Amino acid sequence: MLGDARDLGAASAYLARTSYGPRPGPGASLVEARRAVGDAALWNLRVLAGWLPPMGGEVVRVVAGWFEVQNLIQHALRLGSVSLGEPPYELGALEVVWDSARPTRTLDDLAGVLRTRGWGDPRDADLESVLHAIVAGWGRRLADGPTNRPRWGEALIAIEVAKSLLVDPARPLGWHDRLVPSDVEGIGAVAELASVLPREASWVLDGIQDLREAEPKWWDVVGREAEAGLTGRSMDRAAVVCAGMALVVDAHRVQGLLGAAWRRGGAGEGHAVA
């Protein structure tokens, strides 16, 4: 099993025998291995979108926003002089804002593109505000778009709100979403924030003491709900949403397992693991 792989090489060899194969090949770095997994999932999403009528393709485009988020984050980090050296995903027809964001040369320009193209609202052009707005922008598309998954999208935004308010309480909130409480003064604990958010958002914070537990919880719950939505025989909009999200969640999970195998092996590629 991938979770038991002793090192990155063993993990890559296992993946070569699955739907993610034949890449990553022997000797692949962690970045290359993770990228191969992401490319395979993105390709499957592009094929799925190509077989669907226009509305179905738009649903897949929203779900595939996770890959656009990765591109936007990497670009923002480069603009903020914190480059991880990962190349962007080729989104093709699934692109929404990336083609406009790619040429920007400053965080201020990137923030402007995000605002004008309807992908997040960074009120400040500093790196942290832009990063929060990028992730929250995908959450808003999941909640309000043709995917119609407010439980997924609002909860993702809630995590970004919690990070903004609780990780560095002295720092002004530099981005905006309608989920942000109108009176954020004095909120100093996860449970307190959860109590003022709607149920569709607060569930991801329930029972959380350490904010680092929220994102794994989100991925776990969304993955289980996506898989549960694939039990029927029809391929309606809800099934397309679940099929696409199941691909995204699995790629995210596999990339995490690759990182764990890399750490177990004590390899020294020196790449960060998201």
C-alpha atoms as a PDB file:
ATOM      1  CA  MET A   1       0.000   0.000   0.000  1.00  0.00           C
ATOM      2  CA  LEU A   2       1.132   3.531  -0.726  1.00  0.00           C
ATOM      3  CA  GLY A   3       0.793   4.542   2.910  1.00  0.00           C
ATOM      4  CA  ASP A   4       3.299   1.862   3.902  1.00  0.00           C
ATOM      5  CA  ALA A   5       5.957   2.745   1.314  1.00  0.00           C
ATOM      6  CA  ARG A   6       9.386   2.966   2.986  1.00  0.00           C
ATOM      7  CA  ASP A   7      10.562   5.879   0.852  1.00  0.00           C
ATOM      8  CA  LEU A   8       9.722   7.983  -2.178  1.00  0.00           C
ATOM      9  CA  GLY A   9      11.178   5.443  -4.616  1.00  0.00           C
ATOM     10  CA  ALA A  10       8.960   2.661  -3.271  1.00  0.00           C
ATOM     11  CA  ALA A  11       5.945   4.961  -3.346  1.00  0.00           C
ATOM     12  CA  SER A  12       6.641   5.931  -6.961  1.00  0.00           C
ATOM     13  CA  ALA A  13       7.039   2.275  -7.927  1.00  0.00           C
ATOM     14  CA  TYR A  14       3.662   1.500  -6.371  1.00  0.00           C
ATOM     15  CA  LEU A  15       1.971   4.375  -8.192  1.00  0.00           C
ATOM     16  CA  ALA A  16       3.390   3.157 -11.510  1.00  0.00           C
ATOM     17  CA  ARG A  17       1.051   0.166 -11.193  1.00  0.00           C
ATOM     18  CA  THR A  18      -2.038   2.316 -10.642  1.00  0.00           C
ATOM     19  CA  SER A  19      -4.065   4.750 -12.734  1.00  0.00           C
ATOM     20  CA  TYR A  20      -1.420   7.383 -11.943  1.00  0.00           C
ATOM     21  CA  GLY A  21       1.276   5.411 -13.787  1.00  0.00           C
ATOM     22  CA  PRO A  22       3.623   5.186 -15.580  1.00  0.00           C
ATOM     23  CA  ARG A  23       4.754   8.483 -14.090  1.00  0.00           C
ATOM     24  CA  PRO A  24       6.332   9.265 -11.704  1.00  0.00           C
ATOM     25  CA  GLY A  25       9.222   7.087 -12.806  1.00  0.00           C
ATOM     26  CA  PRO A  26      12.175   5.735 -10.838  1.00  0.00           C
ATOM     27  CA  GLY A  27      14.385   8.437  -9.383  1.00  0.00           C
ATOM     28  CA  ALA A  28      11.715  11.143  -9.510  1.00  0.00           C
ATOM     29  CA  SER A  29      12.062  13.949  -6.983  1.00  0.00           C
ATOM     30  CA  LEU A  30       9.233  14.726  -4.601  1.00  0.00           C
ATOM     31  CA  VAL A  31       8.198  17.731  -6.687  1.00  0.00           C
ATOM     32  CA  GLU A  32       8.195  15.614  -9.862  1.00  0.00           C
ATOM     33  CA  ALA A  33       6.240  12.808  -8.220  1.00  0.00           C
ATOM     34  CA  ARG A  34       3.617  15.126  -6.784  1.00  0.00           C
ATOM     35  CA  ARG A  35       3.332  16.938 -10.073  1.00  0.00           C
ATOM     36  CA  ALA A  36       2.830  13.693 -12.008  1.00  0.00           C
ATOM     37  CA  VAL A  37      -0.094  12.825  -9.727  1.00  0.00           C
ATOM     38  CA  GLY A  38      -1.629  16.268 -10.185  1.00  0.00           C
ATOM     39  CA  ASP A  39      -1.181  16.143 -13.963  1.00  0.00           C
ATOM     40  CA  ALA A  40      -2.916  12.760 -14.153  1.00  0.00           C
ATOM     41  CA  ALA A  41      -5.906  13.958 -12.141  1.00  0.00           C
ATOM     42  CA  LEU A  42      -6.145  17.196 -14.117  1.00  0.00           C
ATOM     43  CA  TRP A  43      -6.037  15.282 -17.397  1.00  0.00           C
ATOM     44  CA  ASN A  44      -8.936  13.098 -16.234  1.00  0.00           C
ATOM     45  CA  LEU A  45     -10.909  16.218 -15.330  1.00  0.00           C
ATOM     46  CA  ARG A  46     -10.239  17.715 -18.749  1.00  0.00           C
ATOM     47  CA  VAL A  47     -11.429  14.518 -20.428  1.00  0.00           C
ATOM     48  CA  LEU A  48     -14.540  14.453 -18.224  1.00  0.00           C
ATOM     49  CA  ALA A  49     -15.331  18.071 -19.097  1.00  0.00           C
ATOM     50  CA  GLY A  50     -14.865  17.341 -22.801  1.00  0.00           C
ATOM     51  CA  TRP A  51     -17.513  14.622 -22.739  1.00  0.00           C
ATOM     52  CA  LEU A  52     -20.122  16.775 -21.001  1.00  0.00           C
ATOM     53  CA  PRO A  53     -22.533  19.424 -22.304  1.00  0.00           C
ATOM     54  CA  PRO A  54     -21.578  23.053 -21.541  1.00  0.00           C
ATOM     55  CA  MET A  55     -23.158  23.218 -18.079  1.00  0.00           C
ATOM     56  CA  GLY A  56     -21.464  19.987 -17.059  1.00  0.00           C
ATOM     57  CA  GLY A  57     -18.161  21.354 -18.309  1.00  0.00           C
ATOM     58  CA  GLU A  58     -18.637  24.468 -16.164  1.00  0.00           C
ATOM     59  CA  VAL A  59     -19.206  22.268 -13.116  1.00  0.00           C
ATOM     60  CA  VAL A  60     -15.900  20.508 -13.769  1.00  0.00           C
ATOM     61  CA  ARG A  61     -14.201  23.881 -14.273  1.00  0.00           C
ATOM     62  CA  VAL A  62     -15.246  24.947 -10.781  1.00  0.00           C
ATOM     63  CA  VAL A  63     -14.071  21.695  -9.209  1.00  0.00           C
ATOM     64  CA  ALA A  64     -10.765  21.916 -11.089  1.00  0.00           C
ATOM     65  CA  GLY A  65     -10.268  25.280  -9.431  1.00  0.00           C
ATOM     66  CA  TRP A  66      -8.053  23.456  -6.942  1.00  0.00           C
ATOM     67  CA  PHE A  67      -5.377  23.273  -9.646  1.00  0.00           C
ATOM     68  CA  GLU A  68      -5.884  26.930 -10.493  1.00  0.00           C
ATOM     69  CA  VAL A  69      -5.431  27.681  -6.786  1.00  0.00           C
ATOM     70  CA  GLN A  70      -2.055  25.903  -6.894  1.00  0.00           C
ATOM     71  CA  ASN A  71      -0.989  27.990  -9.892  1.00  0.00           C
ATOM     72  CA  LEU A  72      -2.109  31.221  -8.264  1.00  0.00           C
ATOM     73  CA  ILE A  73      -0.424  30.389  -4.955  1.00  0.00           C
ATOM     74  CA  GLN A  74       2.864  29.521  -6.636  1.00  0.00           C
ATOM     75  CA  HIS A  75       2.703  32.735  -8.662  1.00  0.00           C
ATOM     76  CA  ALA A  76       1.927  34.820  -5.566  1.00  0.00           C
ATOM     77  CA  LEU A  77       4.834  33.217  -3.727  1.00  0.00           C
ATOM     78  CA  ARG A  78       7.183  34.017  -6.601  1.00  0.00           C
ATOM     79  CA  LEU A  79       5.996  37.623  -6.595  1.00  0.00           C
ATOM     80  CA  GLY A  80       6.585  37.671  -2.853  1.00  0.00           C
ATOM     81  CA  SER A  81      10.092  36.223  -3.317  1.00  0.00           C
ATOM     82  CA  VAL A  82       9.168  32.878  -1.714  1.00  0.00           C
ATOM     83  CA  SER A  83       9.359  30.688  -4.813  1.00  0.00           C
ATOM     84  CA  LEU A  84       9.048  26.912  -4.443  1.00  0.00           C
ATOM     85  CA  GLY A  85      10.101  26.373  -8.047  1.00  0.00           C
ATOM     86  CA  GLU A  86       7.046  24.378  -9.155  1.00  0.00           C
ATOM     87  CA  PRO A  87       5.829  24.897 -12.741  1.00  0.00           C
ATOM     88  CA  PRO A  88       2.160  25.805 -13.310  1.00  0.00           C
ATOM     89  CA  TYR A  89      -0.455  23.245 -14.264  1.00  0.00           C
ATOM     90  CA  GLU A  90      -1.704  23.421 -17.836  1.00  0.00           C
ATOM     91  CA  LEU A  91      -5.425  24.035 -17.351  1.00  0.00           C
ATOM     92  CA  GLY A  92      -6.582  24.264 -20.951  1.00  0.00           C
ATOM     93  CA  ALA A  93     -10.327  24.845 -21.209  1.00  0.00           C
ATOM     94  CA  LEU A  94     -10.646  24.570 -17.421  1.00  0.00           C
ATOM     95  CA  GLU A  95      -8.818  27.900 -16.911  1.00  0.00           C
ATOM     96  CA  VAL A  96     -10.783  30.745 -15.315  1.00  0.00           C
ATOM     97  CA  VAL A  97      -8.406  33.477 -14.160  1.00  0.00           C
ATOM     98  CA  TRP A  98      -4.907  32.024 -14.540  1.00  0.00           C
ATOM     99  CA  ASP A  99      -4.234  33.316 -18.057  1.00  0.00           C
ATOM    100  CA  SER A 100      -4.873  36.860 -16.817  1.00  0.00           C
ATOM    101  CA  ALA A 101      -2.924  36.355 -13.594  1.00  0.00           C
ATOM    102  CA  ARG A 102       0.155  34.734 -15.159  1.00  0.00           C
ATOM    103  CA  PRO A 103       1.608  37.937 -16.733  1.00  0.00           C
ATOM    104  CA  THR A 104       1.328  40.024 -13.541  1.00  0.00           C
ATOM    105  CA  ARG A 105       4.623  41.222 -12.103  1.00  0.00           C
ATOM    106  CA  THR A 106       3.593  42.562  -8.704  1.00  0.00           C
ATOM    107  CA  LEU A 107       1.294  41.431  -5.902  1.00  0.00           C
ATOM    108  CA  ASP A 108      -0.724  44.593  -6.434  1.00  0.00           C
ATOM    109  CA  ASP A 109      -1.338  43.645 -10.080  1.00  0.00           C
ATOM    110  CA  LEU A 110      -2.255  40.083  -9.084  1.00  0.00           C
ATOM    111  CA  ALA A 111      -4.677  41.365  -6.437  1.00  0.00           C
ATOM    112  CA  GLY A 112      -6.274  43.559  -9.071  1.00  0.00           C
ATOM    113  CA  VAL A 113      -6.781  40.621 -11.435  1.00  0.00           C
ATOM    114  CA  LEU A 114      -8.332  38.526  -8.670  1.00  0.00           C
ATOM    115  CA  ARG A 115     -10.784  41.317  -7.862  1.00  0.00           C
ATOM    116  CA  THR A 116     -11.738  42.272 -11.413  1.00  0.00           C
ATOM    117  CA  ARG A 117     -12.107  38.666 -12.559  1.00  0.00           C
ATOM    118  CA  GLY A 118     -14.264  37.745  -9.570  1.00  0.00           C
ATOM    119  CA  TRP A 119     -11.783  35.394  -7.933  1.00  0.00           C
ATOM    120  CA  GLY A 120     -11.376  36.599  -4.363  1.00  0.00           C
ATOM    121  CA  ASP A 121     -11.155  40.091  -2.926  1.00  0.00           C
ATOM    122  CA  PRO A 122      -7.742  40.940  -1.479  1.00  0.00           C
ATOM    123  CA  ARG A 123      -8.224  44.438  -0.066  1.00  0.00           C
ATOM    124  CA  ASP A 124      -4.512  44.642   0.657  1.00  0.00           C
ATOM    125  CA  ALA A 125      -1.827  43.631  -1.824  1.00  0.00           C
ATOM    126  CA  ASP A 126       0.450  41.929   0.705  1.00  0.00           C
ATOM    127  CA  LEU A 127       1.293  38.244   0.291  1.00  0.00           C
ATOM    128  CA  GLU A 128      -0.811  36.897   3.167  1.00  0.00           C
ATOM    129  CA  SER A 129      -3.951  38.741   2.077  1.00  0.00           C
ATOM    130  CA  VAL A 130      -3.564  37.566  -1.503  1.00  0.00           C
ATOM    131  CA  LEU A 131      -3.015  33.937  -0.444  1.00  0.00           C
ATOM    132  CA  HIS A 132      -6.125  33.952   1.757  1.00  0.00           C
ATOM    133  CA  ALA A 133      -8.173  35.507  -1.055  1.00  0.00           C
ATOM    134  CA  ILE A 134      -6.991  32.887  -3.564  1.00  0.00           C
ATOM    135  CA  VAL A 135      -8.173  29.940  -1.465  1.00  0.00           C
ATOM    136  CA  ALA A 136     -11.353  31.678  -0.347  1.00  0.00           C
ATOM    137  CA  GLY A 137     -12.083  32.493  -3.988  1.00  0.00           C
ATOM    138  CA  TRP A 138     -12.243  28.801  -4.836  1.00  0.00           C
ATOM    139  CA  GLY A 139     -14.453  28.247  -1.812  1.00  0.00           C
ATOM    140  CA  ARG A 140     -16.850  30.929  -2.991  1.00  0.00           C
ATOM    141  CA  ARG A 141     -17.023  29.341  -6.459  1.00  0.00           C
ATOM    142  CA  LEU A 142     -17.793  25.957  -4.904  1.00  0.00           C
ATOM    143  CA  ALA A 143     -20.502  27.498  -2.747  1.00  0.00           C
ATOM    144  CA  ASP A 144     -22.164  29.786  -5.296  1.00  0.00           C
ATOM    145  CA  GLY A 145     -21.353  28.295  -8.683  1.00  0.00           C
ATOM    146  CA  PRO A 146     -23.060  25.513 -10.638  1.00  0.00           C
ATOM    147  CA  THR A 147     -21.535  22.989  -8.244  1.00  0.00           C
ATOM    148  CA  ASN A 148     -23.988  24.272  -5.598  1.00  0.00           C
ATOM    149  CA  ARG A 149     -21.924  22.990  -2.676  1.00  0.00           C
ATOM    150  CA  PRO A 150     -22.217  25.675   0.035  1.00  0.00           C
ATOM    151  CA  ARG A 151     -21.277  23.096   2.676  1.00  0.00           C
ATOM    152  CA  TRP A 152     -17.922  22.574   0.948  1.00  0.00           C
ATOM    153  CA  GLY A 153     -17.246  26.114  -0.168  1.00  0.00           C
ATOM    154  CA  GLU A 154     -18.354  28.025   2.920  1.00  0.00           C
ATOM    155  CA  ALA A 155     -16.353  25.692   5.177  1.00  0.00           C
ATOM    156  CA  LEU A 156     -13.228  26.259   3.089  1.00  0.00           C
ATOM    157  CA  ILE A 157     -13.705  30.004   3.442  1.00  0.00           C
ATOM    158  CA  ALA A 158     -14.257  29.557   7.191  1.00  0.00           C
ATOM    159  CA  ILE A 159     -10.788  28.014   7.487  1.00  0.00           C
ATOM    160  CA  GLU A 160      -9.247  31.052   5.801  1.00  0.00           C
ATOM    161  CA  VAL A 161     -11.242  33.363   8.073  1.00  0.00           C
ATOM    162  CA  ALA A 162      -9.968  31.444  11.102  1.00  0.00           C
ATOM    163  CA  LYS A 163      -6.376  31.666   9.892  1.00  0.00           C
ATOM    164  CA  SER A 164      -6.718  35.394   9.304  1.00  0.00           C
ATOM    165  CA  LEU A 165      -8.311  36.154  12.664  1.00  0.00           C
ATOM    166  CA  LEU A 166      -6.612  33.702  14.995  1.00  0.00           C
ATOM    167  CA  VAL A 167      -3.090  32.981  13.727  1.00  0.00           C
ATOM    168  CA  ASP A 168      -2.048  36.635  13.887  1.00  0.00           C
ATOM    169  CA  PRO A 169      -4.794  38.493  15.807  1.00  0.00           C
ATOM    170  CA  ALA A 170      -2.957  41.821  15.702  1.00  0.00           C
ATOM    171  CA  ARG A 171      -2.877  41.854  11.907  1.00  0.00           C
ATOM    172  CA  PRO A 172      -5.780  43.627  10.123  1.00  0.00           C
ATOM    173  CA  LEU A 173      -7.929  41.434   7.894  1.00  0.00           C
ATOM    174  CA  GLY A 174      -6.599  42.182   4.417  1.00  0.00           C
ATOM    175  CA  TRP A 175      -9.209  40.371   2.318  1.00  0.00           C
ATOM    176  CA  HIS A 176     -12.985  40.204   2.151  1.00  0.00           C
ATOM    177  CA  ASP A 177     -15.749  37.677   1.728  1.00  0.00           C
ATOM    178  CA  ARG A 178     -19.356  37.989   2.796  1.00  0.00           C
ATOM    179  CA  LEU A 179     -18.824  35.131   5.250  1.00  0.00           C
ATOM    180  CA  VAL A 180     -16.461  37.287   7.329  1.00  0.00           C
ATOM    181  CA  PRO A 181     -18.346  38.404  10.483  1.00  0.00           C
ATOM    182  CA  SER A 182     -19.219  42.092  10.398  1.00  0.00           C
ATOM    183  CA  ASP A 183     -17.783  42.546  13.884  1.00  0.00           C
ATOM    184  CA  VAL A 184     -14.550  40.576  14.101  1.00  0.00           C
ATOM    185  CA  GLU A 185     -13.184  42.483  17.076  1.00  0.00           C
ATOM    186  CA  GLY A 186     -12.573  40.303  20.095  1.00  0.00           C
ATOM    187  CA  ILE A 187     -12.842  36.907  18.370  1.00  0.00           C
ATOM    188  CA  GLY A 188      -9.934  34.985  19.855  1.00  0.00           C
ATOM    189  CA  ALA A 189     -10.797  31.286  19.746  1.00  0.00           C
ATOM    190  CA  VAL A 190     -11.892  28.703  17.176  1.00  0.00           C
ATOM    191  CA  ALA A 191     -15.072  27.853  19.098  1.00  0.00           C
ATOM    192  CA  GLU A 192     -15.984  31.524  19.350  1.00  0.00           C
ATOM    193  CA  LEU A 193     -15.622  31.997  15.613  1.00  0.00           C
ATOM    194  CA  ALA A 194     -17.618  28.835  14.893  1.00  0.00           C
ATOM    195  CA  SER A 195     -20.470  30.152  17.041  1.00  0.00           C
ATOM    196  CA  VAL A 196     -20.983  33.218  14.822  1.00  0.00           C
ATOM    197  CA  LEU A 197     -20.741  31.432  11.457  1.00  0.00           C
ATOM    198  CA  PRO A 198     -23.626  29.725   9.625  1.00  0.00           C
ATOM    199  CA  ARG A 199     -23.850  25.966  10.004  1.00  0.00           C
ATOM    200  CA  GLU A 200     -22.746  25.359   6.405  1.00  0.00           C
ATOM    201  CA  ALA A 201     -19.425  26.967   7.324  1.00  0.00           C
ATOM    202  CA  SER A 202     -18.924  26.236  11.017  1.00  0.00           C
ATOM    203  CA  TRP A 203     -18.963  22.424  10.842  1.00  0.00           C
ATOM    204  CA  VAL A 204     -15.305  22.317   9.812  1.00  0.00           C
ATOM    205  CA  LEU A 205     -14.322  24.142  13.020  1.00  0.00           C
ATOM    206  CA  ASP A 206     -16.525  22.136  15.401  1.00  0.00           C
ATOM    207  CA  GLY A 207     -14.458  20.262  17.971  1.00  0.00           C
ATOM    208  CA  ILE A 208     -11.213  21.733  16.641  1.00  0.00           C
ATOM    209  CA  GLN A 209      -8.705  22.866  19.243  1.00  0.00           C
ATOM    210  CA  ASP A 210      -5.718  23.232  16.946  1.00  0.00           C
ATOM    211  CA  LEU A 211      -6.499  25.105  13.733  1.00  0.00           C
ATOM    212  CA  ARG A 212      -4.091  22.821  11.862  1.00  0.00           C
ATOM    213  CA  GLU A 213      -6.724  20.082  12.190  1.00  0.00           C
ATOM    214  CA  ALA A 214      -9.287  21.986  10.117  1.00  0.00           C
ATOM    215  CA  GLU A 215      -7.888  21.453   6.611  1.00  0.00           C
ATOM    216  CA  PRO A 216      -7.372  17.674   7.000  1.00  0.00           C
ATOM    217  CA  LYS A 217     -10.937  17.491   8.351  1.00  0.00           C
ATOM    218  CA  TRP A 218     -12.247  19.398   5.332  1.00  0.00           C
ATOM    219  CA  TRP A 219     -10.495  17.114   2.855  1.00  0.00           C
ATOM    220  CA  ASP A 220     -11.622  13.985   4.713  1.00  0.00           C
ATOM    221  CA  VAL A 221     -15.296  14.996   4.939  1.00  0.00           C
ATOM    222  CA  VAL A 222     -15.477  16.329   1.376  1.00  0.00           C
ATOM    223  CA  GLY A 223     -13.826  13.147   0.092  1.00  0.00           C
ATOM    224  CA  ARG A 224     -16.309  10.920   1.886  1.00  0.00           C
ATOM    225  CA  GLU A 225     -19.270  12.984   0.691  1.00  0.00           C
ATOM    226  CA  ALA A 226     -17.991  12.948  -2.898  1.00  0.00           C
ATOM    227  CA  GLU A 227     -17.601   9.167  -2.839  1.00  0.00           C
ATOM    228  CA  ALA A 228     -21.074   8.769  -1.332  1.00  0.00           C
ATOM    229  CA  GLY A 229     -22.486  10.811  -4.212  1.00  0.00           C
ATOM    230  CA  LEU A 230     -21.207   8.285  -6.749  1.00  0.00           C
ATOM    231  CA  THR A 231     -23.403   5.411  -5.626  1.00  0.00           C
ATOM    232  CA  GLY A 232     -26.252   6.135  -8.068  1.00  0.00           C
ATOM    233  CA  ARG A 233     -26.496   5.257 -11.736  1.00  0.00           C
ATOM    234  CA  SER A 234     -27.401   8.639 -13.195  1.00  0.00           C
ATOM    235  CA  MET A 235     -24.802  11.158 -14.352  1.00  0.00           C
ATOM    236  CA  ASP A 236     -26.654  14.318 -13.351  1.00  0.00           C
ATOM    237  CA  ARG A 237     -25.030  17.526 -12.174  1.00  0.00           C
ATOM    238  CA  ALA A 238     -24.635  16.275  -8.603  1.00  0.00           C
ATOM    239  CA  ALA A 239     -22.875  13.137  -9.813  1.00  0.00           C
ATOM    240  CA  VAL A 240     -20.526  15.183 -12.009  1.00  0.00           C
ATOM    241  CA  VAL A 241     -19.632  17.367  -9.020  1.00  0.00           C
ATOM    242  CA  CYS A 242     -18.906  14.301  -6.912  1.00  0.00           C
ATOM    243  CA  ALA A 243     -16.930  12.544  -9.648  1.00  0.00           C
ATOM    244  CA  GLY A 244     -14.754  15.592 -10.220  1.00  0.00           C
ATOM    245  CA  MET A 245     -14.204  16.255  -6.534  1.00  0.00           C
ATOM    246  CA  ALA A 246     -13.364  12.604  -5.898  1.00  0.00           C
ATOM    247  CA  LEU A 247     -10.535  12.940  -8.442  1.00  0.00           C
ATOM    248  CA  VAL A 248      -9.264  16.127  -6.776  1.00  0.00           C
ATOM    249  CA  VAL A 249      -9.425  14.695  -3.259  1.00  0.00           C
ATOM    250  CA  ASP A 250      -7.653  11.513  -4.285  1.00  0.00           C
ATOM    251  CA  ALA A 251      -4.854  13.470  -5.967  1.00  0.00           C
ATOM    252  CA  HIS A 252      -4.462  15.628  -2.870  1.00  0.00           C
ATOM    253  CA  ARG A 253      -4.384  12.532  -0.647  1.00  0.00           C
ATOM    254  CA  VAL A 254      -1.837  10.742  -2.845  1.00  0.00           C
ATOM    255  CA  GLN A 255       0.393  13.803  -2.956  1.00  0.00           C
ATOM    256  CA  GLY A 256       0.313  13.883   0.837  1.00  0.00           C
ATOM    257  CA  LEU A 257       1.253  10.210   1.043  1.00  0.00           C
ATOM    258  CA  LEU A 258       4.165  10.829  -1.309  1.00  0.00           C
ATOM    259  CA  GLY A 259       5.382  13.534   1.043  1.00  0.00           C
ATOM    260  CA  ALA A 260       5.098  11.153   3.999  1.00  0.00           C
ATOM    261  CA  ALA A 261       7.076   8.472   2.146  1.00  0.00           C
ATOM    262  CA  TRP A 262       9.739  11.042   1.265  1.00  0.00           C
ATOM    263  CA  ARG A 263      10.097  11.974   4.922  1.00  0.00           C
ATOM    264  CA  ARG A 264      10.278   8.343   6.018  1.00  0.00           C
ATOM    265  CA  GLY A 265      13.081   7.721   3.541  1.00  0.00           C
ATOM    266  CA  GLY A 266      15.081  10.649   4.848  1.00  0.00           C
ATOM    267  CA  ALA A 267      15.643  11.921   1.287  1.00  0.00           C
ATOM    268  CA  GLY A 268      17.285  15.265   0.910  1.00  0.00           C
ATOM    269  CA  GLU A 269      15.701  16.847  -2.132  1.00  0.00           C
ATOM    270  CA  GLY A 270      14.982  19.940  -0.049  1.00  0.00           C
ATOM    271  CA  HIS A 271      11.489  20.543  -1.445  1.00  0.00           C
ATOM    272  CA  ALA A 272       8.676  21.836   0.700  1.00  0.00           C
ATOM    273  CA  VAL A 273       5.638  19.639   1.213  1.00  0.00           C
ATOM    274  CA  ALA A 274       2.231  21.294   1.150  1.00  0.00           C
END
